């Protein structure tokens, strides 16, 4: 009778099958977490962009032109001001959404904004139009409503709820 010093082929195959099953379960649970994380990053980027535009408008006392580029995921703001010499000077800032997050649509009060970009102005008091942005990442999506008078953001469950918030 001989003693075994190694695993048999059947034992190795069973161990590999168990490993594959466990890793596929782990990757499925991790996918949802990563999707939520990317949507949260996109939400935070939109909040920072909007807050910066409002802060710049209030501090400069001038309107700020903003643009949300739905095709590229770029958020841009620009302001025109005069320097001491009386010449106009443009200052700009840009924010970028995570590459894997797309903007499906932008909703205004009872009006859908379609196209490659959405432009709006933040007045010198820091106010703008209210709007909702529909972010998509994989199988997950999220509606973010930005209240124009205050800059407060609200996460809506769906388009219907976003429209209800916008109509208030």
C-alpha atoms as a PDB file:
ATOM      1  CA  UNK A   1       0.000   0.000   0.000  1.00  0.00           C
ATOM      2  CA  UNK A   2       1.292   3.386  -1.057  1.00  0.00           C
ATOM      3  CA  UNK A   3       0.685   6.693   0.687  1.00  0.00           C
ATOM      4  CA  UNK A   4      -0.551   9.654  -1.346  1.00  0.00           C
ATOM      5  CA  UNK A   5       1.555  12.762  -1.426  1.00  0.00           C
ATOM      6  CA  UNK A   6      -0.604  14.819  -3.831  1.00  0.00           C
ATOM      7  CA  UNK A   7      -4.198  15.637  -4.707  1.00  0.00           C
ATOM      8  CA  UNK A   8      -5.999  13.623  -7.353  1.00  0.00           C
ATOM      9  CA  UNK A   9      -7.261  15.224 -10.543  1.00  0.00           C
ATOM     10  CA  UNK A  10     -10.867  14.886  -9.377  1.00  0.00           C
ATOM     11  CA  UNK A  11     -10.117  16.736  -6.138  1.00  0.00           C
ATOM     12  CA  UNK A  12      -8.426  19.563  -8.056  1.00  0.00           C
ATOM     13  CA  UNK A  13     -11.372  19.904 -10.476  1.00  0.00           C
ATOM     14  CA  UNK A  14     -13.869  20.013  -7.592  1.00  0.00           C
ATOM     15  CA  UNK A  15     -11.803  22.690  -5.846  1.00  0.00           C
ATOM     16  CA  UNK A  16     -11.642  24.763  -9.054  1.00  0.00           C
ATOM     17  CA  UNK A  17     -15.406  24.491  -9.607  1.00  0.00           C
ATOM     18  CA  UNK A  18     -16.066  25.674  -6.051  1.00  0.00           C
ATOM     19  CA  UNK A  19     -13.629  28.568  -6.558  1.00  0.00           C
ATOM     20  CA  UNK A  20     -15.339  29.626  -9.819  1.00  0.00           C
ATOM     21  CA  UNK A  21     -18.805  29.530  -8.239  1.00  0.00           C
ATOM     22  CA  UNK A  22     -17.704  31.586  -5.231  1.00  0.00           C
ATOM     23  CA  UNK A  23     -15.896  34.173  -7.368  1.00  0.00           C
ATOM     24  CA  UNK A  24     -18.897  34.616  -9.680  1.00  0.00           C
ATOM     25  CA  UNK A  25     -21.161  35.184  -6.671  1.00  0.00           C
ATOM     26  CA  UNK A  26     -18.715  37.737  -5.287  1.00  0.00           C
ATOM     27  CA  UNK A  27     -18.432  39.587  -8.610  1.00  0.00           C
ATOM     28  CA  UNK A  28     -22.219  39.820  -8.958  1.00  0.00           C
ATOM     29  CA  UNK A  29     -22.579  41.363  -5.523  1.00  0.00           C
ATOM     30  CA  UNK A  30     -19.664  43.717  -6.171  1.00  0.00           C
ATOM     31  CA  UNK A  31     -21.116  44.954  -9.483  1.00  0.00           C
ATOM     32  CA  UNK A  32     -24.139  46.545  -7.801  1.00  0.00           C
ATOM     33  CA  UNK A  33     -21.929  48.208  -5.220  1.00  0.00           C
ATOM     34  CA  UNK A  34     -19.641  49.652  -7.892  1.00  0.00           C
ATOM     35  CA  UNK A  35     -22.613  50.908  -9.936  1.00  0.00           C
ATOM     36  CA  UNK A  36     -24.011  52.716  -6.884  1.00  0.00           C
ATOM     37  CA  UNK A  37     -20.575  54.169  -6.147  1.00  0.00           C
ATOM     38  CA  UNK A  38     -20.224  55.576  -9.679  1.00  0.00           C
ATOM     39  CA  UNK A  39     -23.723  57.107  -9.529  1.00  0.00           C
ATOM     40  CA  UNK A  40     -22.877  58.647  -6.148  1.00  0.00           C
ATOM     41  CA  UNK A  41     -19.683  60.151  -7.609  1.00  0.00           C
ATOM     42  CA  UNK A  42     -21.678  61.612 -10.508  1.00  0.00           C
ATOM     43  CA  UNK A  43     -24.190  63.085  -8.046  1.00  0.00           C
ATOM     44  CA  UNK A  44     -21.404  64.645  -5.978  1.00  0.00           C
ATOM     45  CA  UNK A  45     -19.796  66.088  -9.112  1.00  0.00           C
ATOM     46  CA  UNK A  46     -23.094  67.700 -10.151  1.00  0.00           C
ATOM     47  CA  UNK A  47     -23.545  69.120  -6.635  1.00  0.00           C
ATOM     48  CA  UNK A  48     -20.004  70.571  -6.602  1.00  0.00           C
ATOM     49  CA  UNK A  49     -20.489  72.048 -10.083  1.00  0.00           C
ATOM     50  CA  UNK A  50     -23.772  73.717  -9.189  1.00  0.00           C
ATOM     51  CA  UNK A  51     -22.477  74.991  -5.832  1.00  0.00           C
ATOM     52  CA  UNK A  52     -19.379  76.447  -7.496  1.00  0.00           C
ATOM     53  CA  UNK A  53     -21.481  78.272 -10.104  1.00  0.00           C
ATOM     54  CA  UNK A  54     -23.724  79.760  -7.401  1.00  0.00           C
ATOM     55  CA  UNK A  55     -20.783  80.743  -5.196  1.00  0.00           C
ATOM     56  CA  UNK A  56     -18.936  82.375  -8.111  1.00  0.00           C
ATOM     57  CA  UNK A  57     -22.068  84.296  -9.145  1.00  0.00           C
ATOM     58  CA  UNK A  58     -22.672  85.623  -5.619  1.00  0.00           C
ATOM     59  CA  UNK A  59     -19.036  86.528  -4.967  1.00  0.00           C
ATOM     60  CA  UNK A  60     -18.483  88.250  -8.320  1.00  0.00           C
ATOM     61  CA  UNK A  61     -21.920  89.866  -8.477  1.00  0.00           C
ATOM     62  CA  UNK A  62     -22.193  88.724 -12.107  1.00  0.00           C
ATOM     63  CA  UNK A  63     -24.136  86.037 -13.915  1.00  0.00           C
ATOM     64  CA  UNK A  64     -22.376  82.741 -14.576  1.00  0.00           C
ATOM     65  CA  UNK A  65     -23.005  80.806 -17.779  1.00  0.00           C
ATOM     66  CA  UNK A  66     -23.114  77.038 -17.232  1.00  0.00           C
ATOM     67  CA  UNK A  67     -23.172  74.149 -19.674  1.00  0.00           C
ATOM     68  CA  UNK A  68     -23.849  70.469 -19.095  1.00  0.00           C
ATOM     69  CA  UNK A  69     -22.503  68.526 -22.072  1.00  0.00           C
ATOM     70  CA  UNK A  70     -24.625  65.380 -22.117  1.00  0.00           C
ATOM     71  CA  UNK A  71     -22.591  63.687 -24.840  1.00  0.00           C
ATOM     72  CA  UNK A  72     -19.196  63.994 -23.143  1.00  0.00           C
ATOM     73  CA  UNK A  73     -20.160  64.222 -19.478  1.00  0.00           C
ATOM     74  CA  UNK A  74     -18.461  67.600 -19.061  1.00  0.00           C
ATOM     75  CA  UNK A  75     -19.833  70.287 -16.757  1.00  0.00           C
ATOM     76  CA  UNK A  76     -18.492  73.762 -17.520  1.00  0.00           C
ATOM     77  CA  UNK A  77     -18.988  77.226 -16.129  1.00  0.00           C
ATOM     78  CA  UNK A  78     -17.733  80.544 -17.420  1.00  0.00           C
ATOM     79  CA  UNK A  79     -17.954  84.103 -16.200  1.00  0.00           C
ATOM     80  CA  UNK A  80     -17.144  87.381 -17.889  1.00  0.00           C
ATOM     81  CA  UNK A  81     -15.687  90.139 -15.799  1.00  0.00           C
ATOM     82  CA  UNK A  82     -13.709  93.297 -16.331  1.00  0.00           C
ATOM     83  CA  UNK A  83     -10.225  93.631 -14.930  1.00  0.00           C
ATOM     84  CA  UNK A  84      -8.648  96.883 -13.693  1.00  0.00           C
ATOM     85  CA  UNK A  85      -7.756  97.962 -17.232  1.00  0.00           C
ATOM     86  CA  UNK A  86     -11.407  97.739 -18.300  1.00  0.00           C
ATOM     87  CA  UNK A  87     -10.795  94.723 -20.519  1.00  0.00           C
ATOM     88  CA  UNK A  88     -13.107  91.746 -20.297  1.00  0.00           C
ATOM     89  CA  UNK A  89     -11.666  88.608 -18.836  1.00  0.00           C
ATOM     90  CA  UNK A  90     -13.128  85.108 -18.895  1.00  0.00           C
ATOM     91  CA  UNK A  91     -12.650  82.637 -16.102  1.00  0.00           C
ATOM     92  CA  UNK A  92     -13.685  79.040 -16.547  1.00  0.00           C
ATOM     93  CA  UNK A  93     -13.943  75.878 -14.524  1.00  0.00           C
ATOM     94  CA  UNK A  94     -14.714  72.362 -15.676  1.00  0.00           C
ATOM     95  CA  UNK A  95     -15.909  69.233 -13.947  1.00  0.00           C
ATOM     96  CA  UNK A  96     -16.006  65.722 -15.385  1.00  0.00           C
ATOM     97  CA  UNK A  97     -18.443  62.923 -14.641  1.00  0.00           C
ATOM     98  CA  UNK A  98     -17.064  59.402 -14.228  1.00  0.00           C
ATOM     99  CA  UNK A  99     -16.523  57.968 -17.732  1.00  0.00           C
ATOM    100  CA  UNK A 100     -18.915  55.085 -17.198  1.00  0.00           C
ATOM    101  CA  UNK A 101     -21.828  57.329 -16.156  1.00  0.00           C
ATOM    102  CA  UNK A 102     -23.996  58.821 -18.892  1.00  0.00           C
ATOM    103  CA  UNK A 103     -26.612  61.552 -18.809  1.00  0.00           C
ATOM    104  CA  UNK A 104     -29.736  60.080 -20.366  1.00  0.00           C
ATOM    105  CA  UNK A 105     -31.828  63.241 -20.223  1.00  0.00           C
ATOM    106  CA  UNK A 106     -32.276  66.568 -18.504  1.00  0.00           C
ATOM    107  CA  UNK A 107     -35.759  67.557 -17.428  1.00  0.00           C
ATOM    108  CA  UNK A 108     -37.071  71.063 -16.875  1.00  0.00           C
ATOM    109  CA  UNK A 109     -40.502  71.912 -15.516  1.00  0.00           C
ATOM    110  CA  UNK A 110     -42.858  69.994 -17.852  1.00  0.00           C
ATOM    111  CA  UNK A 111     -40.279  70.148 -20.627  1.00  0.00           C
ATOM    112  CA  UNK A 112     -37.646  67.628 -21.615  1.00  0.00           C
ATOM    113  CA  UNK A 113     -34.273  69.008 -22.641  1.00  0.00           C
ATOM    114  CA  UNK A 114     -32.733  66.926 -25.376  1.00  0.00           C
ATOM    115  CA  UNK A 115     -29.619  67.444 -27.398  1.00  0.00           C
ATOM    116  CA  UNK A 116     -25.915  67.436 -26.795  1.00  0.00           C
ATOM    117  CA  UNK A 117     -25.836  70.153 -24.145  1.00  0.00           C
ATOM    118  CA  UNK A 118     -27.939  72.043 -21.641  1.00  0.00           C
ATOM    119  CA  UNK A 119     -27.101  75.684 -20.946  1.00  0.00           C
ATOM    120  CA  UNK A 120     -28.429  77.774 -18.104  1.00  0.00           C
ATOM    121  CA  UNK A 121     -27.490  80.983 -16.330  1.00  0.00           C
ATOM    122  CA  UNK A 122     -26.921  81.462 -12.612  1.00  0.00           C
ATOM    123  CA  UNK A 123     -27.865  85.053 -11.802  1.00  0.00           C
ATOM    124  CA  UNK A 124     -25.794  87.315  -9.489  1.00  0.00           C
ATOM    125  CA  UNK A 125     -27.964  86.293  -6.516  1.00  0.00           C
ATOM    126  CA  UNK A 126     -27.003  82.641  -7.094  1.00  0.00           C
ATOM    127  CA  UNK A 127     -30.336  81.509  -8.522  1.00  0.00           C
ATOM    128  CA  UNK A 128     -31.083  79.527 -11.661  1.00  0.00           C
ATOM    129  CA  UNK A 129     -33.771  77.381 -13.227  1.00  0.00           C
ATOM    130  CA  UNK A 130     -34.681  74.126 -11.500  1.00  0.00           C
ATOM    131  CA  UNK A 131     -33.748  70.999 -13.432  1.00  0.00           C
ATOM    132  CA  UNK A 132     -33.442  67.243 -13.073  1.00  0.00           C
ATOM    133  CA  UNK A 133     -30.642  65.077 -14.455  1.00  0.00           C
ATOM    134  CA  UNK A 134     -31.073  61.384 -15.219  1.00  0.00           C
ATOM    135  CA  UNK A 135     -27.780  59.512 -14.688  1.00  0.00           C
ATOM    136  CA  UNK A 136     -27.298  55.972 -16.027  1.00  0.00           C
ATOM    137  CA  UNK A 137     -24.588  53.450 -15.165  1.00  0.00           C
ATOM    138  CA  UNK A 138     -24.984  49.855 -16.255  1.00  0.00           C
ATOM    139  CA  UNK A 139     -28.416  48.662 -15.167  1.00  0.00           C
ATOM    140  CA  UNK A 140     -28.779  51.364 -12.517  1.00  0.00           C
ATOM    141  CA  UNK A 141     -30.068  54.882 -12.908  1.00  0.00           C
ATOM    142  CA  UNK A 142     -30.687  57.867 -10.671  1.00  0.00           C
ATOM    143  CA  UNK A 143     -32.648  61.101 -10.996  1.00  0.00           C
ATOM    144  CA  UNK A 144     -31.115  64.162  -9.319  1.00  0.00           C
ATOM    145  CA  UNK A 145     -33.284  67.277  -8.980  1.00  0.00           C
ATOM    146  CA  UNK A 146     -31.513  70.617  -8.477  1.00  0.00           C
ATOM    147  CA  UNK A 147     -33.722  73.319  -6.955  1.00  0.00           C
ATOM    148  CA  UNK A 148     -32.913  76.560  -8.763  1.00  0.00           C
ATOM    149  CA  UNK A 149     -33.691  78.977  -5.953  1.00  0.00           C
ATOM    150  CA  UNK A 150     -31.418  77.321  -3.382  1.00  0.00           C
ATOM    151  CA  UNK A 151     -29.143  74.831  -5.134  1.00  0.00           C
ATOM    152  CA  UNK A 152     -30.428  72.018  -2.946  1.00  0.00           C
ATOM    153  CA  UNK A 153     -30.298  68.584  -4.589  1.00  0.00           C
ATOM    154  CA  UNK A 154     -32.868  65.850  -4.118  1.00  0.00           C
ATOM    155  CA  UNK A 155     -32.622  62.242  -5.293  1.00  0.00           C
ATOM    156  CA  UNK A 156     -35.878  61.171  -6.952  1.00  0.00           C
ATOM    157  CA  UNK A 157     -37.039  57.575  -7.407  1.00  0.00           C
ATOM    158  CA  UNK A 158     -38.095  58.013 -11.010  1.00  0.00           C
ATOM    159  CA  UNK A 159     -39.054  60.528 -13.692  1.00  0.00           C
ATOM    160  CA  UNK A 160     -42.557  60.999 -12.294  1.00  0.00           C
ATOM    161  CA  UNK A 161     -41.222  61.947  -8.863  1.00  0.00           C
ATOM    162  CA  UNK A 162     -38.615  64.247 -10.434  1.00  0.00           C
ATOM    163  CA  UNK A 163     -41.405  66.039 -12.326  1.00  0.00           C
ATOM    164  CA  UNK A 164     -43.458  66.364  -9.146  1.00  0.00           C
ATOM    165  CA  UNK A 165     -40.533  67.971  -7.327  1.00  0.00           C
ATOM    166  CA  UNK A 166     -39.866  70.308 -10.257  1.00  0.00           C
ATOM    167  CA  UNK A 167     -43.487  71.444 -10.357  1.00  0.00           C
ATOM    168  CA  UNK A 168     -43.480  72.609  -6.709  1.00  0.00           C
END
